[in-house]
Amino acid sequence: MEQLRESSKLLHPEVLSVTRQSIEDSQKEKRITLPYYSKYEYTVLLGTRAQQLAEGAKPLASLDGLIASSPDFPVNLAKKEILEQKLPFIIHRRLPNGVSEYWSAMELSVIW
């Protein structure tokens, strides 16, 4: 594992390993940012999840009210999963002072 970490640093000097423990520790600290998606985080999360669904990932929300034959079905389902806060993703926010915050997608909400 250490060898892999060292080889990744050779690829790019800013590559840092993030462990589960460091994420848990950062979630215990008082957070600076608000528990809302930025439009950029929402867009990246929506696109990533829609791509996963289009490639056959299991849906995490009910399919009620959605038309599976619709071409925008993966996007609509991804929106529904985000609004119902069912995605097991972690959002990494880097702050200008060098501190990082990690938010679970289940903790964040859409305000628009």
PDB file of N, CA and C in Angstrom:
ATOM      1  N   MET A   1       0.824  -1.186   0.000  1.00  0.00           N
ATOM      2  CA  MET A   1       0.000   0.000   0.000  1.00  0.00           C
ATOM      3  C   MET A   1       0.869   1.252   0.000  1.00  0.00           C
ATOM      4  N   GLU A   2       1.903   1.236   0.808  1.00  0.00           N
ATOM      5  CA  GLU A   2       2.810   2.384   0.872  1.00  0.00           C
ATOM      6  C   GLU A   2       3.484   2.611  -0.480  1.00  0.00           C
ATOM      7  N   GLN A   3       3.806   1.517  -1.151  1.00  0.00           N
ATOM      8  CA  GLN A   3       4.440   1.620  -2.457  1.00  0.00           C
ATOM      9  C   GLN A   3       3.489   2.272  -3.466  1.00  0.00           C
ATOM     10  N   LEU A   4       2.213   1.908  -3.402  1.00  0.00           N
ATOM     11  CA  LEU A   4       1.209   2.504  -4.277  1.00  0.00           C
ATOM     12  C   LEU A   4       1.070   3.994  -3.999  1.00  0.00           C
ATOM     13  N   ARG A   5       1.075   4.363  -2.743  1.00  0.00           N
ATOM     14  CA  ARG A   5       0.961   5.765  -2.358  1.00  0.00           C
ATOM     15  C   ARG A   5       2.152   6.565  -2.894  1.00  0.00           C
ATOM     16  N   GLU A   6       3.339   6.005  -2.781  1.00  0.00           N
ATOM     17  CA  GLU A   6       4.534   6.696  -3.263  1.00  0.00           C
ATOM     18  C   GLU A   6       4.516   6.824  -4.778  1.00  0.00           C
ATOM     19  N   SER A   7       4.051   5.787  -5.474  1.00  0.00           N
ATOM     20  CA  SER A   7       4.009   5.862  -6.935  1.00  0.00           C
ATOM     21  C   SER A   7       2.969   6.869  -7.403  1.00  0.00           C
ATOM     22  N   SER A   8       1.879   7.034  -6.653  1.00  0.00           N
ATOM     23  CA  SER A   8       0.878   8.029  -7.039  1.00  0.00           C
ATOM     24  C   SER A   8       1.418   9.442  -6.848  1.00  0.00           C
ATOM     25  N   LYS A   9       2.289   9.651  -5.879  1.00  0.00           N
ATOM     26  CA  LYS A   9       2.898  10.968  -5.685  1.00  0.00           C
ATOM     27  C   LYS A   9       3.850  11.293  -6.831  1.00  0.00           C
ATOM     28  N   LEU A  10       4.422  10.256  -7.435  1.00  0.00           N
ATOM     29  CA  LEU A  10       5.291  10.491  -8.572  1.00  0.00           C
ATOM     30  C   LEU A  10       4.489  10.996  -9.767  1.00  0.00           C
ATOM     31  N   LEU A  11       3.235  10.556  -9.877  1.00  0.00           N
ATOM     32  CA  LEU A  11       2.397  10.993 -10.981  1.00  0.00           C
ATOM     33  C   LEU A  11       2.020  12.464 -10.849  1.00  0.00           C
ATOM     34  N   HIS A  12       1.694  12.860  -9.660  1.00  0.00           N
ATOM     35  CA  HIS A  12       1.299  14.252  -9.428  1.00  0.00           C
ATOM     36  C   HIS A  12       1.642  14.621  -7.988  1.00  0.00           C
ATOM     37  N   PRO A  13       2.323  15.730  -7.780  1.00  0.00           N
ATOM     38  CA  PRO A  13       2.770  16.072  -6.422  1.00  0.00           C
ATOM     39  C   PRO A  13       1.647  16.421  -5.453  1.00  0.00           C
ATOM     40  N   GLU A  14       0.457  16.750  -5.959  1.00  0.00           N
ATOM     41  CA  GLU A  14      -0.638  17.132  -5.074  1.00  0.00           C
ATOM     42  C   GLU A  14      -1.537  15.962  -4.695  1.00  0.00           C
ATOM     43  N   VAL A  15      -1.185  14.754  -5.115  1.00  0.00           N
ATOM     44  CA  VAL A  15      -2.003  13.589  -4.788  1.00  0.00           C
ATOM     45  C   VAL A  15      -1.845  13.277  -3.309  1.00  0.00           C
ATOM     46  N   LEU A  16      -2.949  13.293  -2.599  1.00  0.00           N
ATOM     47  CA  LEU A  16      -2.943  12.991  -1.176  1.00  0.00           C
ATOM     48  C   LEU A  16      -3.851  11.804  -0.932  1.00  0.00           C
ATOM     49  N   SER A  17      -3.457  10.944  -0.034  1.00  0.00           N
ATOM     50  CA  SER A  17      -4.331   9.826   0.297  1.00  0.00           C
ATOM     51  C   SER A  17      -5.314  10.281   1.367  1.00  0.00           C
ATOM     52  N   VAL A  18      -6.562   9.943   1.155  1.00  0.00           N
ATOM     53  CA  VAL A  18      -7.613  10.287   2.105  1.00  0.00           C
ATOM     54  C   VAL A  18      -8.114   8.984   2.701  1.00  0.00           C
ATOM     55  N   THR A  19      -8.050   8.883   4.001  1.00  0.00           N
ATOM     56  CA  THR A  19      -8.495   7.665   4.666  1.00  0.00           C
ATOM     57  C   THR A  19      -9.870   7.880   5.279  1.00  0.00           C
ATOM     58  N   ARG A  20     -10.535   6.797   5.553  1.00  0.00           N
ATOM     59  CA  ARG A  20     -11.854   6.866   6.193  1.00  0.00           C
ATOM     60  C   ARG A  20     -11.747   7.594   7.534  1.00  0.00           C
ATOM     61  N   GLN A  21     -10.655   7.364   8.234  1.00  0.00           N
ATOM     62  CA  GLN A  21     -10.467   8.003   9.538  1.00  0.00           C
ATOM     63  C   GLN A  21     -10.368   9.520   9.406  1.00  0.00           C
ATOM     64  N   SER A  22      -9.662   9.994   8.379  1.00  0.00           N
ATOM     65  CA  SER A  22      -9.546  11.447   8.207  1.00  0.00           C
ATOM     66  C   SER A  22     -10.893  12.073   7.854  1.00  0.00           C
ATOM     67  N   ILE A  23     -11.724  11.344   7.119  1.00  0.00           N
ATOM     68  CA  ILE A  23     -13.066  11.839   6.799  1.00  0.00           C
ATOM     69  C   ILE A  23     -13.915  11.891   8.061  1.00  0.00           C
ATOM     70  N   GLU A  24     -13.861  10.831   8.864  1.00  0.00           N
ATOM     71  CA  GLU A  24     -14.638  10.801  10.107  1.00  0.00           C
ATOM     72  C   GLU A  24     -14.191  11.896  11.069  1.00  0.00           C
ATOM     73  N   ASP A  25     -12.886  12.126  11.144  1.00  0.00           N
ATOM     74  CA  ASP A  25     -12.369  13.178  12.023  1.00  0.00           C
ATOM     75  C   ASP A  25     -12.840  14.558  11.576  1.00  0.00           C
ATOM     76  N   SER A  26     -12.833  14.784  10.263  1.00  0.00           N
ATOM     77  CA  SER A  26     -13.249  16.098   9.771  1.00  0.00           C
ATOM     78  C   SER A  26     -14.742  16.322   9.962  1.00  0.00           C
ATOM     79  N   GLN A  27     -15.537  15.252   9.987  1.00  0.00           N
ATOM     80  CA  GLN A  27     -16.976  15.404  10.194  1.00  0.00           C
ATOM     81  C   GLN A  27     -17.305  15.711  11.655  1.00  0.00           C
ATOM     82  N   LYS A  28     -16.406  15.383  12.565  1.00  0.00           N
ATOM     83  CA  LYS A  28     -16.631  15.673  13.982  1.00  0.00           C
ATOM     84  C   LYS A  28     -16.349  17.139  14.304  1.00  0.00           C
ATOM     85  N   GLU A  29     -15.482  17.758  13.507  1.00  0.00           N
ATOM     86  CA  GLU A  29     -15.135  19.152  13.742  1.00  0.00           C
ATOM     87  C   GLU A  29     -16.285  20.059  13.305  1.00  0.00           C
ATOM     88  N   LYS A  30     -16.293  21.252  13.852  1.00  0.00           N
ATOM     89  CA  LYS A  30     -17.308  22.226  13.460  1.00  0.00           C
ATOM     90  C   LYS A  30     -17.060  22.632  12.008  1.00  0.00           C
ATOM     91  N   ARG A  31     -18.116  22.607  11.221  1.00  0.00           N
ATOM     92  CA  ARG A  31     -17.978  22.918   9.803  1.00  0.00           C
ATOM     93  C   ARG A  31     -18.218  24.399   9.549  1.00  0.00           C
ATOM     94  N   ILE A  32     -17.566  24.883   8.513  1.00  0.00           N
ATOM     95  CA  ILE A  32     -17.666  26.289   8.151  1.00  0.00           C
ATOM     96  C   ILE A  32     -18.768  26.502   7.112  1.00  0.00           C
ATOM     97  N   THR A  33     -18.851  25.609   6.138  1.00  0.00           N
ATOM     98  CA  THR A  33     -19.803  25.782   5.043  1.00  0.00           C
ATOM     99  C   THR A  33     -21.194  25.305   5.440  1.00  0.00           C
ATOM    100  N   LEU A  34     -22.177  25.706   4.662  1.00  0.00           N
ATOM    101  CA  LEU A  34     -23.573  25.369   4.933  1.00  0.00           C
ATOM    102  C   LEU A  34     -23.953  24.033   4.295  1.00  0.00           C
ATOM    103  N   PRO A  35     -24.971  23.353   4.825  1.00  0.00           N
ATOM    104  CA  PRO A  35     -25.348  22.030   4.306  1.00  0.00           C
ATOM    105  C   PRO A  35     -26.255  22.097   3.078  1.00  0.00           C
ATOM    106  N   TYR A  36     -25.839  22.864   2.082  1.00  0.00           N
ATOM    107  CA  TYR A  36     -26.587  22.976   0.840  1.00  0.00           C
ATOM    108  C   TYR A  36     -25.642  22.719  -0.326  1.00  0.00           C
ATOM    109  N   TYR A  37     -26.175  22.117  -1.399  1.00  0.00           N
ATOM    110  CA  TYR A  37     -25.373  21.899  -2.598  1.00  0.00           C
ATOM    111  C   TYR A  37     -25.073  23.226  -3.272  1.00  0.00           C
ATOM    112  N   SER A  38     -23.857  23.366  -3.761  1.00  0.00           N
ATOM    113  CA  SER A  38     -23.596  24.454  -4.696  1.00  0.00           C
ATOM    114  C   SER A  38     -24.087  23.965  -6.055  1.00  0.00           C
ATOM    115  N   LYS A  39     -24.267  24.873  -6.981  1.00  0.00           N
ATOM    116  CA  LYS A  39     -24.758  24.443  -8.290  1.00  0.00           C
ATOM    117  C   LYS A  39     -23.738  23.544  -8.983  1.00  0.00           C
ATOM    118  N   TYR A  40     -22.474  23.693  -8.668  1.00  0.00           N
ATOM    119  CA  TYR A  40     -21.432  22.872  -9.274  1.00  0.00           C
ATOM    120  C   TYR A  40     -21.442  21.462  -8.685  1.00  0.00           C
ATOM    121  N   GLU A  41     -21.552  21.368  -7.375  1.00  0.00           N
ATOM    122  CA  GLU A  41     -21.613  20.055  -6.722  1.00  0.00           C
ATOM    123  C   GLU A  41     -22.838  19.286  -7.202  1.00  0.00           C
ATOM    124  N   TYR A  42     -23.973  19.976  -7.284  1.00  0.00           N
ATOM    125  CA  TYR A  42     -25.216  19.343  -7.726  1.00  0.00           C
ATOM    126  C   TYR A  42     -25.077  18.817  -9.156  1.00  0.00           C
ATOM    127  N   THR A  43     -24.491  19.635 -10.035  1.00  0.00           N
ATOM    128  CA  THR A  43     -24.339  19.246 -11.433  1.00  0.00           C
ATOM    129  C   THR A  43     -23.419  18.045 -11.584  1.00  0.00           C
ATOM    130  N   VAL A  44     -22.302  18.042 -10.876  1.00  0.00           N
ATOM    131  CA  VAL A  44     -21.370  16.916 -10.952  1.00  0.00           C
ATOM    132  C   VAL A  44     -22.015  15.652 -10.395  1.00  0.00           C
ATOM    133  N   LEU A  45     -22.688  15.778  -9.267  1.00  0.00           N
ATOM    134  CA  LEU A  45     -23.345  14.625  -8.656  1.00  0.00           C
ATOM    135  C   LEU A  45     -24.450  14.091  -9.556  1.00  0.00           C
ATOM    136  N   LEU A  46     -25.249  14.977 -10.131  1.00  0.00           N
ATOM    137  CA  LEU A  46     -26.332  14.572 -11.023  1.00  0.00           C
ATOM    138  C   LEU A  46     -25.780  13.857 -12.253  1.00  0.00           C
ATOM    139  N   GLY A  47     -24.757  14.409 -12.869  1.00  0.00           N
ATOM    140  CA  GLY A  47     -24.165  13.785 -14.050  1.00  0.00           C
ATOM    141  C   GLY A  47     -23.529  12.445 -13.752  1.00  0.00           C
ATOM    142  N   THR A  48     -22.824  12.361 -12.634  1.00  0.00           N
ATOM    143  CA  THR A  48     -22.170  11.107 -12.249  1.00  0.00           C
ATOM    144  C   THR A  48     -23.194  10.020 -11.982  1.00  0.00           C
ATOM    145  N   ARG A  49     -24.224  10.355 -11.222  1.00  0.00           N
ATOM    146  CA  ARG A  49     -25.244   9.356 -10.880  1.00  0.00           C
ATOM    147  C   ARG A  49     -26.076   8.969 -12.103  1.00  0.00           C
ATOM    148  N   ALA A  50     -26.408   9.922 -12.968  1.00  0.00           N
ATOM    149  CA  ALA A  50     -27.160   9.607 -14.186  1.00  0.00           C
ATOM    150  C   ALA A  50     -26.352   8.666 -15.081  1.00  0.00           C
ATOM    151  N   GLN A  51     -25.048   8.884 -15.160  1.00  0.00           N
ATOM    152  CA  GLN A  51     -24.189   7.994 -15.954  1.00  0.00           C
ATOM    153  C   GLN A  51     -24.183   6.587 -15.363  1.00  0.00           C
ATOM    154  N   GLN A  52     -24.085   6.485 -14.048  1.00  0.00           N
ATOM    155  CA  GLN A  52     -24.118   5.175 -13.401  1.00  0.00           C
ATOM    156  C   GLN A  52     -25.434   4.461 -13.679  1.00  0.00           C
ATOM    157  N   LEU A  53     -26.547   5.192 -13.592  1.00  0.00           N
ATOM    158  CA  LEU A  53     -27.857   4.591 -13.845  1.00  0.00           C
ATOM    159  C   LEU A  53     -27.993   4.162 -15.302  1.00  0.00           C
ATOM    160  N   ALA A  54     -27.472   4.959 -16.218  1.00  0.00           N
ATOM    161  CA  ALA A  54     -27.528   4.618 -17.641  1.00  0.00           C
ATOM    162  C   ALA A  54     -26.714   3.364 -17.939  1.00  0.00           C
ATOM    163  N   GLU A  55     -25.686   3.121 -17.143  1.00  0.00           N
ATOM    164  CA  GLU A  55     -24.849   1.938 -17.343  1.00  0.00           C
ATOM    165  C   GLU A  55     -25.341   0.734 -16.565  1.00  0.00           C
ATOM    166  N   GLY A  56     -26.503   0.858 -15.890  1.00  0.00           N
ATOM    167  CA  GLY A  56     -27.120  -0.300 -15.259  1.00  0.00           C
ATOM    168  C   GLY A  56     -27.044  -0.378 -13.750  1.00  0.00           C
ATOM    169  N   ALA A  57     -26.680   0.691 -13.069  1.00  0.00           N
ATOM    170  CA  ALA A  57     -26.633   0.669 -11.600  1.00  0.00           C
ATOM    171  C   ALA A  57     -28.041   0.521 -11.035  1.00  0.00           C
ATOM    172  N   LYS A  58     -28.130  -0.074  -9.839  1.00  0.00           N
ATOM    173  CA  LYS A  58     -29.430  -0.250  -9.198  1.00  0.00           C
ATOM    174  C   LYS A  58     -29.953   1.093  -8.696  1.00  0.00           C
ATOM    175  N   PRO A  59     -31.233   1.390  -8.966  1.00  0.00           N
ATOM    176  CA  PRO A  59     -31.811   2.633  -8.449  1.00  0.00           C
ATOM    177  C   PRO A  59     -31.961   2.589  -6.936  1.00  0.00           C
ATOM    178  N   LEU A  60     -31.755   3.716  -6.288  1.00  0.00           N
ATOM    179  CA  LEU A  60     -31.883   3.818  -4.838  1.00  0.00           C
ATOM    180  C   LEU A  60     -33.199   4.470  -4.427  1.00  0.00           C
ATOM    181  N   ALA A  61     -33.958   4.973  -5.388  1.00  0.00           N
ATOM    182  CA  ALA A  61     -35.263   5.582  -5.124  1.00  0.00           C
ATOM    183  C   ALA A  61     -36.324   4.784  -5.869  1.00  0.00           C
ATOM    184  N   SER A  62     -37.568   4.950  -5.455  1.00  0.00           N
ATOM    185  CA  SER A  62     -38.655   4.239  -6.131  1.00  0.00           C
ATOM    186  C   SER A  62     -38.854   4.823  -7.530  1.00  0.00           C
ATOM    187  N   LEU A  63     -39.345   3.995  -8.422  1.00  0.00           N
ATOM    188  CA  LEU A  63     -39.539   4.407  -9.804  1.00  0.00           C
ATOM    189  C   LEU A  63     -40.939   4.954 -10.050  1.00  0.00           C
ATOM    190  N   ASP A  64     -41.704   5.160  -8.994  1.00  0.00           N
ATOM    191  CA  ASP A  64     -43.070   5.669  -9.124  1.00  0.00           C
ATOM    192  C   ASP A  64     -43.069   7.045  -9.775  1.00  0.00           C
ATOM    193  N   GLY A  65     -43.916   7.203 -10.782  1.00  0.00           N
ATOM    194  CA  GLY A  65     -44.045   8.487 -11.452  1.00  0.00           C
ATOM    195  C   GLY A  65     -43.014   8.740 -12.533  1.00  0.00           C
ATOM    196  N   LEU A  66     -42.106   7.806 -12.761  1.00  0.00           N
ATOM    197  CA  LEU A  66     -41.089   7.975 -13.796  1.00  0.00           C
ATOM    198  C   LEU A  66     -41.376   7.027 -14.957  1.00  0.00           C
ATOM    199  N   ILE A  67     -41.127   7.486 -16.160  1.00  0.00           N
ATOM    200  CA  ILE A  67     -41.343   6.668 -17.354  1.00  0.00           C
ATOM    201  C   ILE A  67     -39.999   6.084 -17.760  1.00  0.00           C
ATOM    202  N   ALA A  68     -39.865   4.764 -17.636  1.00  0.00           N
ATOM    203  CA  ALA A  68     -38.580   4.107 -17.878  1.00  0.00           C
ATOM    204  C   ALA A  68     -38.157   4.169 -19.341  1.00  0.00           C
ATOM    205  N   SER A  69     -39.098   4.319 -20.261  1.00  0.00           N
ATOM    206  CA  SER A  69     -38.745   4.361 -21.683  1.00  0.00           C
ATOM    207  C   SER A  69     -38.332   5.766 -22.138  1.00  0.00           C
ATOM    208  N   SER A  70     -38.437   6.730 -21.263  1.00  0.00           N
ATOM    209  CA  SER A  70     -38.073   8.109 -21.597  1.00  0.00           C
ATOM    210  C   SER A  70     -36.555   8.232 -21.743  1.00  0.00           C
ATOM    211  N   PRO A  71     -36.085   9.007 -22.726  1.00  0.00           N
ATOM    212  CA  PRO A  71     -34.632   9.160 -22.891  1.00  0.00           C
ATOM    213  C   PRO A  71     -33.952   9.856 -21.712  1.00  0.00           C
ATOM    214  N   ASP A  72     -34.691  10.687 -20.987  1.00  0.00           N
ATOM    215  CA  ASP A  72     -34.084  11.368 -19.840  1.00  0.00           C
ATOM    216  C   ASP A  72     -34.417  10.678 -18.518  1.00  0.00           C
ATOM    217  N   PHE A  73     -34.754   9.408 -18.582  1.00  0.00           N
ATOM    218  CA  PHE A  73     -35.070   8.629 -17.385  1.00  0.00           C
ATOM    219  C   PHE A  73     -33.917   8.606 -16.381  1.00  0.00           C
ATOM    220  N   PRO A  74     -32.664   8.339 -16.806  1.00  0.00           N
ATOM    221  CA  PRO A  74     -31.569   8.319 -15.813  1.00  0.00           C
ATOM    222  C   PRO A  74     -31.387   9.661 -15.102  1.00  0.00           C
ATOM    223  N   VAL A  75     -31.548  10.754 -15.825  1.00  0.00           N
ATOM    224  CA  VAL A  75     -31.386  12.082 -15.219  1.00  0.00           C
ATOM    225  C   VAL A  75     -32.511  12.349 -14.225  1.00  0.00           C
ATOM    226  N   ASN A  76     -33.744  12.018 -14.610  1.00  0.00           N
ATOM    227  CA  ASN A  76     -34.884  12.236 -13.710  1.00  0.00           C
ATOM    228  C   ASN A  76     -34.773  11.381 -12.453  1.00  0.00           C
ATOM    229  N   LEU A  77     -34.320  10.138 -12.615  1.00  0.00           N
ATOM    230  CA  LEU A  77     -34.147   9.260 -11.460  1.00  0.00           C
ATOM    231  C   LEU A  77     -33.025   9.771 -10.558  1.00  0.00           C
ATOM    232  N   ALA A  78     -31.939  10.252 -11.162  1.00  0.00           N
ATOM    233  CA  ALA A  78     -30.832  10.810 -10.372  1.00  0.00           C
ATOM    234  C   ALA A  78     -31.298  12.042  -9.591  1.00  0.00           C
ATOM    235  N   LYS A  79     -32.115  12.896 -10.213  1.00  0.00           N
ATOM    236  CA  LYS A  79     -32.663  14.063  -9.505  1.00  0.00           C
ATOM    237  C   LYS A  79     -33.512  13.620  -8.321  1.00  0.00           C
ATOM    238  N   LYS A  80     -34.317  12.588  -8.536  1.00  0.00           N
ATOM    239  CA  LYS A  80     -35.180  12.089  -7.463  1.00  0.00           C
ATOM    240  C   LYS A  80     -34.341  11.536  -6.312  1.00  0.00           C
ATOM    241  N   GLU A  81     -33.269  10.814  -6.637  1.00  0.00           N
ATOM    242  CA  GLU A  81     -32.394  10.263  -5.600  1.00  0.00           C
ATOM    243  C   GLU A  81     -31.711  11.375  -4.803  1.00  0.00           C
ATOM    244  N   ILE A  82     -31.311  12.441  -5.485  1.00  0.00           N
ATOM    245  CA  ILE A  82     -30.673  13.565  -4.794  1.00  0.00           C
ATOM    246  C   ILE A  82     -31.671  14.252  -3.868  1.00  0.00           C
ATOM    247  N   LEU A  83     -32.875  14.503  -4.366  1.00  0.00           N
ATOM    248  CA  LEU A  83     -33.888  15.185  -3.552  1.00  0.00           C
ATOM    249  C   LEU A  83     -34.321  14.351  -2.350  1.00  0.00           C
ATOM    250  N   GLU A  84     -34.338  13.020  -2.508  1.00  0.00           N
ATOM    251  CA  GLU A  84     -34.712  12.133  -1.399  1.00  0.00           C
ATOM    252  C   GLU A  84     -33.525  11.822  -0.491  1.00  0.00           C
ATOM    253  N   GLN A  85     -32.356  12.362  -0.808  1.00  0.00           N
ATOM    254  CA  GLN A  85     -31.123  12.184  -0.025  1.00  0.00           C
ATOM    255  C   GLN A  85     -30.794  10.710   0.192  1.00  0.00           C
ATOM    256  N   LYS A  86     -30.711   9.966  -0.899  1.00  0.00           N
ATOM    257  CA  LYS A  86     -30.444   8.538  -0.805  1.00  0.00           C
ATOM    258  C   LYS A  86     -29.085   8.134  -1.368  1.00  0.00           C
ATOM    259  N   LEU A  87     -28.289   9.077  -1.801  1.00  0.00           N
ATOM    260  CA  LEU A  87     -27.019   8.735  -2.434  1.00  0.00           C
ATOM    261  C   LEU A  87     -25.900   8.586  -1.406  1.00  0.00           C
ATOM    262  N   PRO A  88     -25.114   7.520  -1.515  1.00  0.00           N
ATOM    263  CA  PRO A  88     -24.022   7.291  -0.558  1.00  0.00           C
ATOM    264  C   PRO A  88     -22.695   7.922  -0.994  1.00  0.00           C
ATOM    265  N   PHE A  89     -22.738   9.111  -1.546  1.00  0.00           N
ATOM    266  CA  PHE A  89     -21.532   9.789  -1.999  1.00  0.00           C
ATOM    267  C   PHE A  89     -21.025  10.742  -0.926  1.00  0.00           C
ATOM    268  N   ILE A  90     -19.745  11.081  -1.026  1.00  0.00           N
ATOM    269  CA  ILE A  90     -19.147  12.057  -0.120  1.00  0.00           C
ATOM    270  C   ILE A  90     -18.646  13.226  -0.957  1.00  0.00           C
ATOM    271  N   ILE A  91     -19.040  14.421  -0.557  1.00  0.00           N
ATOM    272  CA  ILE A  91     -18.636  15.650  -1.239  1.00  0.00           C
ATOM    273  C   ILE A  91     -17.431  16.223  -0.499  1.00  0.00           C
ATOM    274  N   HIS A  92     -16.366  16.488  -1.258  1.00  0.00           N
ATOM    275  CA  HIS A  92     -15.141  17.045  -0.677  1.00  0.00           C
ATOM    276  C   HIS A  92     -15.085  18.525  -1.025  1.00  0.00           C
ATOM    277  N   ARG A  93     -15.092  19.363  -0.010  1.00  0.00           N
ATOM    278  CA  ARG A  93     -15.008  20.810  -0.207  1.00  0.00           C
ATOM    279  C   ARG A  93     -13.663  21.302   0.297  1.00  0.00           C
ATOM    280  N   ARG A  94     -12.891  21.895  -0.609  1.00  0.00           N
ATOM    281  CA  ARG A  94     -11.623  22.509  -0.219  1.00  0.00           C
ATOM    282  C   ARG A  94     -11.873  23.990   0.025  1.00  0.00           C
ATOM    283  N   LEU A  95     -11.433  24.459   1.149  1.00  0.00           N
ATOM    284  CA  LEU A  95     -11.627  25.859   1.500  1.00  0.00           C
ATOM    285  C   LEU A  95     -10.356  26.652   1.204  1.00  0.00           C
ATOM    286  N   PRO A  96     -10.468  27.965   1.022  1.00  0.00           N
ATOM    287  CA  PRO A  96      -9.303  28.784   0.671  1.00  0.00           C
ATOM    288  C   PRO A  96      -8.162  28.736   1.688  1.00  0.00           C
ATOM    289  N   ASN A  97      -8.474  28.460   2.954  1.00  0.00           N
ATOM    290  CA  ASN A  97      -7.418  28.421   3.966  1.00  0.00           C
ATOM    291  C   ASN A  97      -6.712  27.069   4.023  1.00  0.00           C
ATOM    292  N   GLY A  98      -7.024  26.170   3.081  1.00  0.00           N
ATOM    293  CA  GLY A  98      -6.359  24.879   3.010  1.00  0.00           C
ATOM    294  C   GLY A  98      -7.058  23.769   3.757  1.00  0.00           C
ATOM    295  N   VAL A  99      -8.102  24.084   4.489  1.00  0.00           N
ATOM    296  CA  VAL A  99      -8.859  23.085   5.243  1.00  0.00           C
ATOM    297  C   VAL A  99      -9.832  22.387   4.305  1.00  0.00           C
ATOM    298  N   SER A 100     -10.059  21.108   4.543  1.00  0.00           N
ATOM    299  CA  SER A 100     -11.026  20.355   3.756  1.00  0.00           C
ATOM    300  C   SER A 100     -12.204  19.965   4.621  1.00  0.00           C
ATOM    301  N   GLU A 101     -13.378  19.991   4.022  1.00  0.00           N
ATOM    302  CA  GLU A 101     -14.587  19.510   4.680  1.00  0.00           C
ATOM    303  C   GLU A 101     -15.166  18.390   3.838  1.00  0.00           C
ATOM    304  N   TYR A 102     -15.668  17.379   4.502  1.00  0.00           N
ATOM    305  CA  TYR A 102     -16.310  16.265   3.826  1.00  0.00           C
ATOM    306  C   TYR A 102     -17.766  16.221   4.265  1.00  0.00           C
ATOM    307  N   TRP A 103     -18.678  16.235   3.297  1.00  0.00           N
ATOM    308  CA  TRP A 103     -20.104  16.168   3.566  1.00  0.00           C
ATOM    309  C   TRP A 103     -20.666  14.937   2.878  1.00  0.00           C
ATOM    310  N   SER A 104     -21.493  14.207   3.566  1.00  0.00           N
ATOM    311  CA  SER A 104     -22.225  13.113   2.943  1.00  0.00           C
ATOM    312  C   SER A 104     -23.322  13.728   2.084  1.00  0.00           C
ATOM    313  N   ALA A 105     -23.594  13.121   0.932  1.00  0.00           N
ATOM    314  CA  ALA A 105     -24.676  13.618   0.076  1.00  0.00           C
ATOM    315  C   ALA A 105     -26.017  13.504   0.789  1.00  0.00           C
ATOM    316  N   MET A 106     -26.092  12.643   1.787  1.00  0.00           N
ATOM    317  CA  MET A 106     -27.329  12.487   2.553  1.00  0.00           C
ATOM    318  C   MET A 106     -27.545  13.651   3.528  1.00  0.00           C
ATOM    319  N   GLU A 107     -26.489  14.413   3.803  1.00  0.00           N
ATOM    320  CA  GLU A 107     -26.594  15.556   4.714  1.00  0.00           C
ATOM    321  C   GLU A 107     -26.948  16.850   3.989  1.00  0.00           C
ATOM    322  N   LEU A 108     -26.692  16.891   2.690  1.00  0.00           N
ATOM    323  CA  LEU A 108     -26.881  18.120   1.929  1.00  0.00           C
ATOM    324  C   LEU A 108     -28.276  18.181   1.325  1.00  0.00           C
ATOM    325  N   SER A 109     -28.761  19.392   1.121  1.00  0.00           N
ATOM    326  CA  SER A 109     -30.074  19.552   0.496  1.00  0.00           C
ATOM    327  C   SER A 109     -30.009  20.635  -0.571  1.00  0.00           C
ATOM    328  N   VAL A 110     -31.018  20.625  -1.427  1.00  0.00           N
ATOM    329  CA  VAL A 110     -31.125  21.589  -2.519  1.00  0.00           C
ATOM    330  C   VAL A 110     -32.003  22.737  -2.034  1.00  0.00           C
ATOM    331  N   ILE A 111     -31.559  23.971  -2.234  1.00  0.00           N
ATOM    332  CA  ILE A 111     -32.349  25.103  -1.740  1.00  0.00           C
ATOM    333  C   ILE A 111     -33.006  25.900  -2.859  1.00  0.00           C
ATOM    334  N   TRP A 112     -32.826  25.530  -4.090  1.00  0.00           N
ATOM    335  CA  TRP A 112     -33.471  26.285  -5.162  1.00  0.00           C
ATOM    336  C   TRP A 112     -34.619  25.527  -5.747  1.00  0.00           C
TER     337      TRP A 112
END
